[in-house]
Amino acid sequence: MTAIPIGQPGYVSKAPPWSKRFFKMGRLGFPPGSVPPHLKPYLLKKGDVSGIVSDCRGQGKSGEALVRCIFTQVGIKRSK
């Protein structure tokens, strides 16, 4: 069963089996599809990764090694 919206900030959904109640009510902290303001500095722009990918491919990496190389380089670039 999916969550049923009640008004703008709230929803009702089925409670977990170990709960004493049949339904649970809650509210969404942030609307679906939006990025919270405190996480926006960590977003990458469209062209930020293209140079990193070409560098990692130039090192002859592919598959899992390519992904690890990209994640490492992005982490180094974004470390604050």
C-alpha atoms as a PDB file:
ATOM      1  CA  MET A   1       0.000   0.000   0.000  1.00  0.00           C
ATOM      2  CA  THR A   2       1.384   3.362  -0.930  1.00  0.00           C
ATOM      3  CA  ALA A   3       1.152   6.516   1.114  1.00  0.00           C
ATOM      4  CA  ILE A   4      -2.064   8.472   0.707  1.00  0.00           C
ATOM      5  CA  PRO A   5      -1.594  12.248   0.874  1.00  0.00           C
ATOM      6  CA  ILE A   6      -3.814  14.131   3.307  1.00  0.00           C
ATOM      7  CA  GLY A   7      -3.448  17.809   2.662  1.00  0.00           C
ATOM      8  CA  GLN A   8      -0.178  19.295   1.520  1.00  0.00           C
ATOM      9  CA  PRO A   9       2.378  18.253   4.189  1.00  0.00           C
ATOM     10  CA  GLY A  10       0.912  14.989   5.489  1.00  0.00           C
ATOM     11  CA  TYR A  11       0.369  11.381   4.452  1.00  0.00           C
ATOM     12  CA  VAL A  12      -1.165   8.168   5.769  1.00  0.00           C
ATOM     13  CA  SER A  13       0.328   4.738   5.076  1.00  0.00           C
ATOM     14  CA  LYS A  14       0.140   1.209   6.407  1.00  0.00           C
ATOM     15  CA  ALA A  15       2.080   0.708   9.628  1.00  0.00           C
ATOM     16  CA  PRO A  16       4.776  -1.962   9.991  1.00  0.00           C
ATOM     17  CA  PRO A  17       3.594  -5.391  11.155  1.00  0.00           C
ATOM     18  CA  TRP A  18       5.190  -5.037  14.592  1.00  0.00           C
ATOM     19  CA  SER A  19       3.281  -1.812  15.274  1.00  0.00           C
ATOM     20  CA  LYS A  20       0.256  -1.671  17.553  1.00  0.00           C
ATOM     21  CA  ARG A  21      -1.684   0.396  15.014  1.00  0.00           C
ATOM     22  CA  PHE A  22      -2.908  -0.360  11.514  1.00  0.00           C
ATOM     23  CA  PHE A  23      -1.945   2.978   9.961  1.00  0.00           C
ATOM     24  CA  LYS A  24       0.692   5.615  10.519  1.00  0.00           C
ATOM     25  CA  MET A  25       0.582   9.327   9.841  1.00  0.00           C
ATOM     26  CA  GLY A  26       3.542  11.444   8.936  1.00  0.00           C
ATOM     27  CA  ARG A  27       4.733  14.457   7.044  1.00  0.00           C
ATOM     28  CA  LEU A  28       7.318  14.877   4.348  1.00  0.00           C
ATOM     29  CA  GLY A  29      10.366  16.875   5.348  1.00  0.00           C
ATOM     30  CA  PHE A  30      10.947  17.994   1.759  1.00  0.00           C
ATOM     31  CA  PRO A  31       8.673  17.716  -1.269  1.00  0.00           C
ATOM     32  CA  PRO A  32       9.418  14.824  -3.640  1.00  0.00           C
ATOM     33  CA  GLY A  33      11.767  15.661  -6.481  1.00  0.00           C
ATOM     34  CA  SER A  34      13.381  18.666  -4.822  1.00  0.00           C
ATOM     35  CA  VAL A  35      16.848  18.946  -3.337  1.00  0.00           C
ATOM     36  CA  PRO A  36      17.016  20.222   0.237  1.00  0.00           C
ATOM     37  CA  PRO A  37      18.854  23.551   0.542  1.00  0.00           C
ATOM     38  CA  HIS A  38      21.549  22.143   2.822  1.00  0.00           C
ATOM     39  CA  LEU A  39      22.528  19.525   0.178  1.00  0.00           C
ATOM     40  CA  LYS A  40      22.725  21.863  -2.830  1.00  0.00           C
ATOM     41  CA  PRO A  41      26.456  22.655  -2.386  1.00  0.00           C
ATOM     42  CA  TYR A  42      27.234  18.959  -2.883  1.00  0.00           C
ATOM     43  CA  LEU A  43      25.509  18.704  -6.276  1.00  0.00           C
ATOM     44  CA  LEU A  44      27.706  18.379  -9.311  1.00  0.00           C
ATOM     45  CA  LYS A  45      27.139  20.582 -12.314  1.00  0.00           C
ATOM     46  CA  LYS A  46      26.595  19.032 -15.739  1.00  0.00           C
ATOM     47  CA  GLY A  47      30.181  19.326 -16.995  1.00  0.00           C
ATOM     48  CA  ASP A  48      32.030  18.695 -13.712  1.00  0.00           C
ATOM     49  CA  VAL A  49      32.445  14.950 -14.185  1.00  0.00           C
ATOM     50  CA  SER A  50      33.197  14.768 -17.918  1.00  0.00           C
ATOM     51  CA  GLY A  51      36.885  15.677 -17.466  1.00  0.00           C
ATOM     52  CA  ILE A  52      37.259  13.220 -14.606  1.00  0.00           C
ATOM     53  CA  VAL A  53      35.690  10.404 -16.648  1.00  0.00           C
ATOM     54  CA  SER A  54      37.987  11.031 -19.596  1.00  0.00           C
ATOM     55  CA  ASP A  55      41.034  11.052 -17.278  1.00  0.00           C
ATOM     56  CA  CYS A  56      40.028   7.753 -15.680  1.00  0.00           C
ATOM     57  CA  ARG A  57      39.359   6.149 -19.076  1.00  0.00           C
ATOM     58  CA  GLY A  58      42.745   7.448 -20.230  1.00  0.00           C
ATOM     59  CA  GLN A  59      44.317   5.457 -17.404  1.00  0.00           C
ATOM     60  CA  GLY A  60      42.863   2.306 -18.990  1.00  0.00           C
ATOM     61  CA  LYS A  61      40.224   1.672 -16.347  1.00  0.00           C
ATOM     62  CA  SER A  62      36.845   0.136 -17.050  1.00  0.00           C
ATOM     63  CA  GLY A  63      33.966  -1.388 -15.137  1.00  0.00           C
ATOM     64  CA  GLU A  64      34.261  -1.308 -11.356  1.00  0.00           C
ATOM     65  CA  ALA A  65      37.725   0.245 -11.462  1.00  0.00           C
ATOM     66  CA  LEU A  66      36.347   3.119 -13.571  1.00  0.00           C
ATOM     67  CA  VAL A  67      33.551   3.763 -11.091  1.00  0.00           C
ATOM     68  CA  ARG A  68      35.985   3.713  -8.152  1.00  0.00           C
ATOM     69  CA  CYS A  69      38.302   6.107  -9.965  1.00  0.00           C
ATOM     70  CA  ILE A  70      35.446   8.520 -10.710  1.00  0.00           C
ATOM     71  CA  PHE A  71      34.146   8.414  -7.129  1.00  0.00           C
ATOM     72  CA  THR A  72      37.639   8.965  -5.743  1.00  0.00           C
ATOM     73  CA  GLN A  73      38.363  11.903  -8.036  1.00  0.00           C
ATOM     74  CA  VAL A  74      34.971  13.505  -7.380  1.00  0.00           C
ATOM     75  CA  GLY A  75      35.510  13.076  -3.633  1.00  0.00           C
ATOM     76  CA  ILE A  76      38.920  14.724  -3.840  1.00  0.00           C
ATOM     77  CA  LYS A  77      37.509  17.568  -5.928  1.00  0.00           C
ATOM     78  CA  ARG A  78      34.516  18.125  -3.616  1.00  0.00           C
ATOM     79  CA  SER A  79      36.287  17.693  -0.283  1.00  0.00           C
ATOM     80  CA  LYS A  80      35.949  20.768   1.845  1.00  0.00           C
END
